Amino acid sequence: MTYLTIFILELCFLFFLSSQVTKSLSRLLHRFTKNLKLTIYLFAFCFLPGTLVHELAHFLAAIALLVPVGRIELIPAMRDGNLKLGSVEIAKVDPFRRAIIGFAPIFIGIISIFFILSFYDKNSLSWWQFFLTIYALFEIGNTMFSSKKDLEGSIVVLLMLIIITISLYVLNINIIYHLYNLYTNLGGELIVKKGVFMMGIPIGIDLLFLFITEGIFSRFLIRQ
């Protein structure tokens, strides 16, 4: 369980870094453009590939769960004081399916990072392939996390799972023990161990990005 704990902590740290990256980039763009509307569109363009993957994850999850969907919107807009880079029209549905649809970009993001790095070979990549790989990891790592709107119904599902787990424990049915055995027997620890290393790469990219952007922003302040 050690590697699983580390992996979860890495996800939490990447979530924190993604919010810092978006703040740093938007602040830097606004410093250059001096125009809020232009900043919004440039920011949305920078994250367009990642936004597309994010919204497609919602869309495909809804289709798989037989939930009616509408159009995918990729035009940035300010809603309730927050910048919305994209959205998918999804019909109202029960909390369980809503939670799965809401978390879909995270699952797809993790799978995408694993997929990209599984075929990565630094010795056979040209400079532009290397750059494209780094850019893809940057995009996915900073757009895969769900918004508050995406997570509607998740609290209800979490409470129900807690109640079910406690009820099974009272009935002397240790579901956690059985899940852990399944996790171990299926080689979950080896997979997660590999995932710990892989997830460290987008974290490193974000840290490098913040180091560069904050350094540039600091120079602007010094010149003034």
C-alpha atoms as a PDB file:
ATOM      1  CA  MET A   1       0.000   0.000   0.000  1.00  0.00           C
ATOM      2  CA  THR A   2       3.042   2.270   0.299  1.00  0.00           C
ATOM      3  CA  TYR A   3       3.235   2.971  -3.429  1.00  0.00           C
ATOM      4  CA  LEU A   4      -0.513   3.514  -3.656  1.00  0.00           C
ATOM      5  CA  THR A   5      -0.281   6.121  -0.876  1.00  0.00           C
ATOM      6  CA  ILE A   6       2.611   7.867  -2.642  1.00  0.00           C
ATOM      7  CA  PHE A   7       0.694   7.813  -5.931  1.00  0.00           C
ATOM      8  CA  ILE A   8      -2.355   9.433  -4.317  1.00  0.00           C
ATOM      9  CA  LEU A   9      -0.146  12.086  -2.698  1.00  0.00           C
ATOM     10  CA  GLU A  10       1.452  12.754  -6.105  1.00  0.00           C
ATOM     11  CA  LEU A  11      -1.995  13.277  -7.629  1.00  0.00           C
ATOM     12  CA  CYS A  12      -2.869  15.735  -4.858  1.00  0.00           C
ATOM     13  CA  PHE A  13       0.427  17.577  -5.392  1.00  0.00           C
ATOM     14  CA  LEU A  14      -0.103  17.679  -9.170  1.00  0.00           C
ATOM     15  CA  PHE A  15      -3.586  19.109  -8.562  1.00  0.00           C
ATOM     16  CA  PHE A  16      -2.037  21.849  -6.421  1.00  0.00           C
ATOM     17  CA  LEU A  17       0.672  22.515  -9.020  1.00  0.00           C
ATOM     18  CA  SER A  18      -1.886  22.699 -11.855  1.00  0.00           C
ATOM     19  CA  SER A  19      -3.722  25.505 -10.083  1.00  0.00           C
ATOM     20  CA  GLN A  20      -0.427  27.351  -9.570  1.00  0.00           C
ATOM     21  CA  VAL A  21       0.550  26.845 -13.224  1.00  0.00           C
ATOM     22  CA  THR A  22      -2.720  28.281 -14.504  1.00  0.00           C
ATOM     23  CA  LYS A  23      -2.431  31.278 -12.167  1.00  0.00           C
ATOM     24  CA  SER A  24       1.184  31.902 -13.140  1.00  0.00           C
ATOM     25  CA  LEU A  25       0.528  31.603 -16.874  1.00  0.00           C
ATOM     26  CA  SER A  26      -2.585  33.802 -16.836  1.00  0.00           C
ATOM     27  CA  ARG A  27      -0.751  36.446 -14.797  1.00  0.00           C
ATOM     28  CA  LEU A  28       2.215  36.404 -17.191  1.00  0.00           C
ATOM     29  CA  LEU A  29      -0.007  36.597 -20.289  1.00  0.00           C
ATOM     30  CA  HIS A  30      -1.906  39.527 -18.835  1.00  0.00           C
ATOM     31  CA  ARG A  31       1.383  41.229 -18.071  1.00  0.00           C
ATOM     32  CA  PHE A  32       2.327  40.999 -21.746  1.00  0.00           C
ATOM     33  CA  THR A  33      -1.051  41.777 -23.336  1.00  0.00           C
ATOM     34  CA  LYS A  34      -2.498  44.301 -20.852  1.00  0.00           C
ATOM     35  CA  ASN A  35      -5.869  43.077 -22.111  1.00  0.00           C
ATOM     36  CA  LEU A  36      -8.138  40.735 -20.121  1.00  0.00           C
ATOM     37  CA  LYS A  37     -10.109  39.435 -23.092  1.00  0.00           C
ATOM     38  CA  LEU A  38      -6.976  38.712 -25.130  1.00  0.00           C
ATOM     39  CA  THR A  39      -5.404  37.040 -22.092  1.00  0.00           C
ATOM     40  CA  ILE A  40      -8.416  34.727 -21.746  1.00  0.00           C
ATOM     41  CA  TYR A  41      -8.278  33.669 -25.393  1.00  0.00           C
ATOM     42  CA  LEU A  42      -4.507  33.147 -25.380  1.00  0.00           C
ATOM     43  CA  PHE A  43      -4.785  31.145 -22.166  1.00  0.00           C
ATOM     44  CA  ALA A  44      -7.590  29.016 -23.634  1.00  0.00           C
ATOM     45  CA  PHE A  45      -5.540  28.441 -26.807  1.00  0.00           C
ATOM     46  CA  CYS A  46      -2.546  27.262 -24.746  1.00  0.00           C
ATOM     47  CA  PHE A  47      -4.671  24.600 -23.059  1.00  0.00           C
ATOM     48  CA  LEU A  48      -6.960  23.775 -25.995  1.00  0.00           C
ATOM     49  CA  PRO A  49      -5.655  20.195 -26.593  1.00  0.00           C
ATOM     50  CA  GLY A  50      -5.951  19.340 -22.910  1.00  0.00           C
ATOM     51  CA  THR A  51      -9.403  20.922 -22.680  1.00  0.00           C
ATOM     52  CA  LEU A  52     -10.547  18.866 -25.663  1.00  0.00           C
ATOM     53  CA  VAL A  53      -9.348  15.631 -24.017  1.00  0.00           C
ATOM     54  CA  HIS A  54     -11.024  16.670 -20.750  1.00  0.00           C
ATOM     55  CA  GLU A  55     -14.404  17.342 -22.337  1.00  0.00           C
ATOM     56  CA  LEU A  56     -14.221  14.252 -24.542  1.00  0.00           C
ATOM     57  CA  ALA A  57     -13.664  12.185 -21.384  1.00  0.00           C
ATOM     58  CA  HIS A  58     -16.918  13.555 -19.952  1.00  0.00           C
ATOM     59  CA  PHE A  59     -18.687  13.003 -23.260  1.00  0.00           C
ATOM     60  CA  LEU A  60     -17.520   9.399 -23.764  1.00  0.00           C
ATOM     61  CA  ALA A  61     -18.228   8.465 -20.147  1.00  0.00           C
ATOM     62  CA  ALA A  62     -21.758   9.816 -20.479  1.00  0.00           C
ATOM     63  CA  ILE A  63     -22.298   7.899 -23.724  1.00  0.00           C
ATOM     64  CA  ALA A  64     -20.996   4.684 -22.110  1.00  0.00           C
ATOM     65  CA  LEU A  65     -23.408   5.144 -19.182  1.00  0.00           C
ATOM     66  CA  LEU A  66     -26.342   5.854 -21.519  1.00  0.00           C
ATOM     67  CA  VAL A  67     -26.701   9.438 -20.348  1.00  0.00           C
ATOM     68  CA  PRO A  68     -28.069  11.924 -22.939  1.00  0.00           C
ATOM     69  CA  VAL A  69     -25.483  14.517 -23.975  1.00  0.00           C
ATOM     70  CA  GLY A  70     -25.539  17.707 -25.992  1.00  0.00           C
ATOM     71  CA  ARG A  71     -22.793  19.635 -27.715  1.00  0.00           C
ATOM     72  CA  ILE A  72     -19.199  20.097 -26.607  1.00  0.00           C
ATOM     73  CA  GLU A  73     -18.305  23.755 -26.029  1.00  0.00           C
ATOM     74  CA  LEU A  74     -14.650  24.838 -26.285  1.00  0.00           C
ATOM     75  CA  ILE A  75     -15.095  28.616 -26.293  1.00  0.00           C
ATOM     76  CA  PRO A  76     -13.752  30.156 -23.042  1.00  0.00           C
ATOM     77  CA  ALA A  77     -16.216  32.092 -20.893  1.00  0.00           C
ATOM     78  CA  MET A  78     -16.338  33.681 -17.455  1.00  0.00           C
ATOM     79  CA  ARG A  79     -18.964  32.055 -15.217  1.00  0.00           C
ATOM     80  CA  ASP A  80     -19.514  33.066 -11.603  1.00  0.00           C
ATOM     81  CA  GLY A  81     -16.138  34.781 -11.552  1.00  0.00           C
ATOM     82  CA  ASN A  82     -14.292  31.704 -12.825  1.00  0.00           C
ATOM     83  CA  LEU A  83     -12.858  31.007 -16.275  1.00  0.00           C
ATOM     84  CA  LYS A  84     -14.522  28.039 -17.979  1.00  0.00           C
ATOM     85  CA  LEU A  85     -12.411  26.664 -20.828  1.00  0.00           C
ATOM     86  CA  GLY A  86     -14.976  24.136 -22.031  1.00  0.00           C
ATOM     87  CA  SER A  87     -18.125  22.238 -21.194  1.00  0.00           C
ATOM     88  CA  VAL A  88     -20.355  19.366 -22.254  1.00  0.00           C
ATOM     89  CA  GLU A  89     -24.130  19.417 -22.006  1.00  0.00           C
ATOM     90  CA  ILE A  90     -25.130  16.404 -19.889  1.00  0.00           C
ATOM     91  CA  ALA A  91     -28.648  15.492 -18.798  1.00  0.00           C
ATOM     92  CA  LYS A  92     -29.519  15.277 -15.107  1.00  0.00           C
ATOM     93  CA  VAL A  93     -28.844  11.783 -13.836  1.00  0.00           C
ATOM     94  CA  ASP A  94     -28.407   9.801 -10.619  1.00  0.00           C
ATOM     95  CA  PRO A  95     -25.426  10.687  -8.348  1.00  0.00           C
ATOM     96  CA  PHE A  96     -23.496   7.488  -9.161  1.00  0.00           C
ATOM     97  CA  ARG A  97     -23.367   8.049 -12.911  1.00  0.00           C
ATOM     98  CA  ARG A  98     -22.844  11.780 -12.393  1.00  0.00           C
ATOM     99  CA  ALA A  99     -19.814  11.063 -10.196  1.00  0.00           C
ATOM    100  CA  ILE A 100     -18.314   8.656 -12.743  1.00  0.00           C
ATOM    101  CA  ILE A 101     -18.795  11.196 -15.527  1.00  0.00           C
ATOM    102  CA  GLY A 102     -17.277  13.915 -13.336  1.00  0.00           C
ATOM    103  CA  PHE A 103     -14.169  11.863 -12.503  1.00  0.00           C
ATOM    104  CA  ALA A 104     -13.714  10.561 -16.071  1.00  0.00           C
ATOM    105  CA  PRO A 105     -11.070  13.175 -17.077  1.00  0.00           C
ATOM    106  CA  ILE A 106      -8.891  12.145 -14.117  1.00  0.00           C
ATOM    107  CA  PHE A 107      -9.032   8.478 -15.092  1.00  0.00           C
ATOM    108  CA  ILE A 108      -8.418   9.282 -18.762  1.00  0.00           C
ATOM    109  CA  GLY A 109      -5.619  11.661 -17.806  1.00  0.00           C
ATOM    110  CA  ILE A 110      -3.802   9.011 -15.750  1.00  0.00           C
ATOM    111  CA  ILE A 111      -4.227   6.421 -18.507  1.00  0.00           C
ATOM    112  CA  SER A 112      -2.967   8.925 -21.111  1.00  0.00           C
ATOM    113  CA  ILE A 113       0.148   9.729 -19.071  1.00  0.00           C
ATOM    114  CA  PHE A 114       0.859   6.012 -18.654  1.00  0.00           C
ATOM    115  CA  PHE A 115       0.294   5.419 -22.364  1.00  0.00           C
ATOM    116  CA  ILE A 116       2.586   8.264 -23.469  1.00  0.00           C
ATOM    117  CA  LEU A 117       5.428   7.303 -21.140  1.00  0.00           C
ATOM    118  CA  SER A 118       5.117   3.571 -21.848  1.00  0.00           C
ATOM    119  CA  PHE A 119       6.170   4.235 -25.445  1.00  0.00           C
ATOM    120  CA  TYR A 120       8.694   6.918 -24.571  1.00  0.00           C
ATOM    121  CA  ASP A 121      12.287   6.218 -25.605  1.00  0.00           C
ATOM    122  CA  LYS A 122      14.601   9.209 -25.269  1.00  0.00           C
ATOM    123  CA  ASN A 123      17.251   7.513 -27.413  1.00  0.00           C
ATOM    124  CA  SER A 124      14.986   7.211 -30.467  1.00  0.00           C
ATOM    125  CA  LEU A 125      13.120  10.549 -30.255  1.00  0.00           C
ATOM    126  CA  SER A 126      14.031  13.576 -32.329  1.00  0.00           C
ATOM    127  CA  TRP A 127      14.017  16.985 -30.637  1.00  0.00           C
ATOM    128  CA  TRP A 128      10.508  17.827 -31.883  1.00  0.00           C
ATOM    129  CA  GLN A 129       9.146  14.455 -30.708  1.00  0.00           C
ATOM    130  CA  PHE A 130      10.703  15.065 -27.313  1.00  0.00           C
ATOM    131  CA  PHE A 131       9.134  18.547 -27.198  1.00  0.00           C
ATOM    132  CA  LEU A 132       5.757  17.146 -28.264  1.00  0.00           C
ATOM    133  CA  THR A 133       5.916  14.511 -25.520  1.00  0.00           C
ATOM    134  CA  ILE A 134       6.682  17.131 -22.873  1.00  0.00           C
ATOM    135  CA  TYR A 135       3.897  19.369 -24.195  1.00  0.00           C
ATOM    136  CA  ALA A 136       1.382  16.485 -24.151  1.00  0.00           C
ATOM    137  CA  LEU A 137       2.273  15.641 -20.547  1.00  0.00           C
ATOM    138  CA  PHE A 138       2.011  19.321 -19.598  1.00  0.00           C
ATOM    139  CA  GLU A 139      -1.407  19.639 -21.237  1.00  0.00           C
ATOM    140  CA  ILE A 140      -2.870  16.487 -19.713  1.00  0.00           C
ATOM    141  CA  GLY A 141      -1.342  17.031 -16.280  1.00  0.00           C
ATOM    142  CA  ASN A 142      -2.869  20.501 -16.006  1.00  0.00           C
ATOM    143  CA  THR A 143      -6.316  19.885 -17.496  1.00  0.00           C
ATOM    144  CA  MET A 144      -7.311  16.431 -16.236  1.00  0.00           C
ATOM    145  CA  PHE A 145      -8.631  17.519 -12.857  1.00  0.00           C
ATOM    146  CA  SER A 146     -12.360  17.977 -12.412  1.00  0.00           C
ATOM    147  CA  SER A 147     -14.029  21.254 -11.493  1.00  0.00           C
ATOM    148  CA  LYS A 148     -16.572  21.780  -8.716  1.00  0.00           C
ATOM    149  CA  LYS A 149     -19.323  21.505 -11.320  1.00  0.00           C
ATOM    150  CA  ASP A 150     -17.915  18.170 -12.535  1.00  0.00           C
ATOM    151  CA  LEU A 151     -17.976  16.744  -9.009  1.00  0.00           C
ATOM    152  CA  GLU A 152     -21.664  17.332  -8.350  1.00  0.00           C
ATOM    153  CA  GLY A 153     -23.085  14.212  -6.709  1.00  0.00           C
ATOM    154  CA  SER A 154     -19.673  12.937  -5.614  1.00  0.00           C
ATOM    155  CA  ILE A 155     -20.260  13.807  -1.950  1.00  0.00           C
ATOM    156  CA  VAL A 156     -23.506  11.818  -1.951  1.00  0.00           C
ATOM    157  CA  VAL A 157     -21.729   8.831  -3.504  1.00  0.00           C
ATOM    158  CA  LEU A 158     -18.837   9.097  -1.025  1.00  0.00           C
ATOM    159  CA  LEU A 159     -21.218   9.171   1.953  1.00  0.00           C
ATOM    160  CA  MET A 160     -23.110   6.159   0.623  1.00  0.00           C
ATOM    161  CA  LEU A 161     -19.862   4.215   0.116  1.00  0.00           C
ATOM    162  CA  ILE A 162     -18.786   5.030   3.680  1.00  0.00           C
ATOM    163  CA  ILE A 163     -22.147   3.870   5.040  1.00  0.00           C
ATOM    164  CA  ILE A 164     -21.973   0.655   2.989  1.00  0.00           C
ATOM    165  CA  THR A 165     -18.384  -0.031   4.125  1.00  0.00           C
ATOM    166  CA  ILE A 166     -19.288   0.505   7.809  1.00  0.00           C
ATOM    167  CA  SER A 167     -22.373  -1.694   7.446  1.00  0.00           C
ATOM    168  CA  LEU A 168     -20.335  -4.503   5.883  1.00  0.00           C
ATOM    169  CA  TYR A 169     -17.733  -4.205   8.639  1.00  0.00           C
ATOM    170  CA  VAL A 170     -20.446  -4.479  11.321  1.00  0.00           C
ATOM    171  CA  LEU A 171     -21.688  -7.603   9.531  1.00  0.00           C
ATOM    172  CA  ASN A 172     -18.115  -8.945   9.727  1.00  0.00           C
ATOM    173  CA  ILE A 173     -17.614  -8.598   5.968  1.00  0.00           C
ATOM    174  CA  ASN A 174     -14.272  -6.829   5.596  1.00  0.00           C
ATOM    175  CA  ILE A 175     -14.590  -5.430   2.072  1.00  0.00           C
ATOM    176  CA  ILE A 176     -11.295  -3.503   2.414  1.00  0.00           C
ATOM    177  CA  TYR A 177      -9.419  -6.738   3.114  1.00  0.00           C
ATOM    178  CA  HIS A 178     -10.941  -8.448   0.070  1.00  0.00           C
ATOM    179  CA  LEU A 179     -10.208  -5.437  -2.146  1.00  0.00           C
ATOM    180  CA  TYR A 180      -6.604  -5.366  -0.943  1.00  0.00           C
ATOM    181  CA  ASN A 181      -6.196  -9.067  -1.728  1.00  0.00           C
ATOM    182  CA  LEU A 182      -7.629  -8.489  -5.198  1.00  0.00           C
ATOM    183  CA  TYR A 183      -5.296  -5.503  -5.658  1.00  0.00           C
ATOM    184  CA  THR A 184      -2.285  -7.637  -4.644  1.00  0.00           C
ATOM    185  CA  ASN A 185      -3.241 -10.729  -6.644  1.00  0.00           C
ATOM    186  CA  LEU A 186      -3.732  -8.705  -9.836  1.00  0.00           C
ATOM    187  CA  GLY A 187      -0.270  -7.165  -9.522  1.00  0.00           C
ATOM    188  CA  GLY A 188      -1.612  -3.774  -8.534  1.00  0.00           C
ATOM    189  CA  GLU A 189       1.451  -2.902  -6.446  1.00  0.00           C
ATOM    190  CA  LEU A 190       3.811  -3.325  -9.427  1.00  0.00           C
ATOM    191  CA  ILE A 191       1.560  -1.220 -11.666  1.00  0.00           C
ATOM    192  CA  VAL A 192       1.251   1.550  -9.074  1.00  0.00           C
ATOM    193  CA  LYS A 193       5.012   1.432  -8.427  1.00  0.00           C
ATOM    194  CA  LYS A 194       5.560   2.176 -12.109  1.00  0.00           C
ATOM    195  CA  GLY A 195       2.855   4.843 -11.896  1.00  0.00           C
ATOM    196  CA  VAL A 196       4.674   6.590  -9.050  1.00  0.00           C
ATOM    197  CA  PHE A 197       7.681   7.106 -11.316  1.00  0.00           C
ATOM    198  CA  MET A 198       5.543   8.162 -14.292  1.00  0.00           C
ATOM    199  CA  MET A 199       3.473  10.664 -12.327  1.00  0.00           C
ATOM    200  CA  GLY A 200       6.659  12.290 -11.117  1.00  0.00           C
ATOM    201  CA  ILE A 201       7.421  13.454 -14.674  1.00  0.00           C
ATOM    202  CA  PRO A 202       4.429  15.830 -15.160  1.00  0.00           C
ATOM    203  CA  ILE A 203       5.103  17.067 -11.622  1.00  0.00           C
ATOM    204  CA  GLY A 204       8.683  17.854 -12.620  1.00  0.00           C
ATOM    205  CA  ILE A 205       7.495  19.611 -15.795  1.00  0.00           C
ATOM    206  CA  ASP A 206       5.136  21.804 -13.773  1.00  0.00           C
ATOM    207  CA  LEU A 207       7.839  22.681 -11.257  1.00  0.00           C
ATOM    208  CA  LEU A 208      10.189  23.667 -14.088  1.00  0.00           C
ATOM    209  CA  PHE A 209       7.434  25.711 -15.751  1.00  0.00           C
ATOM    210  CA  LEU A 210       6.713  27.573 -12.500  1.00  0.00           C
ATOM    211  CA  PHE A 211      10.420  28.212 -11.962  1.00  0.00           C
ATOM    212  CA  ILE A 212      10.692  29.774 -15.442  1.00  0.00           C
ATOM    213  CA  THR A 213       7.451  31.788 -15.434  1.00  0.00           C
ATOM    214  CA  GLU A 214       7.923  33.113 -11.906  1.00  0.00           C
ATOM    215  CA  GLY A 215      11.482  34.061 -12.811  1.00  0.00           C
ATOM    216  CA  ILE A 216      10.261  36.005 -15.845  1.00  0.00           C
ATOM    217  CA  PHE A 217       7.549  37.705 -13.792  1.00  0.00           C
ATOM    218  CA  SER A 218      10.080  38.665 -11.110  1.00  0.00           C
ATOM    219  CA  ARG A 219      12.250  40.364 -13.753  1.00  0.00           C
ATOM    220  CA  PHE A 220       9.256  42.432 -14.838  1.00  0.00           C
ATOM    221  CA  LEU A 221       8.779  43.614 -11.260  1.00  0.00           C
ATOM    222  CA  ILE A 222      12.477  44.428 -10.872  1.00  0.00           C
ATOM    223  CA  ARG A 223      12.478  46.548 -14.056  1.00  0.00           C
ATOM    224  CA  GLN A 224       9.574  48.550 -12.710  1.00  0.00           C
END
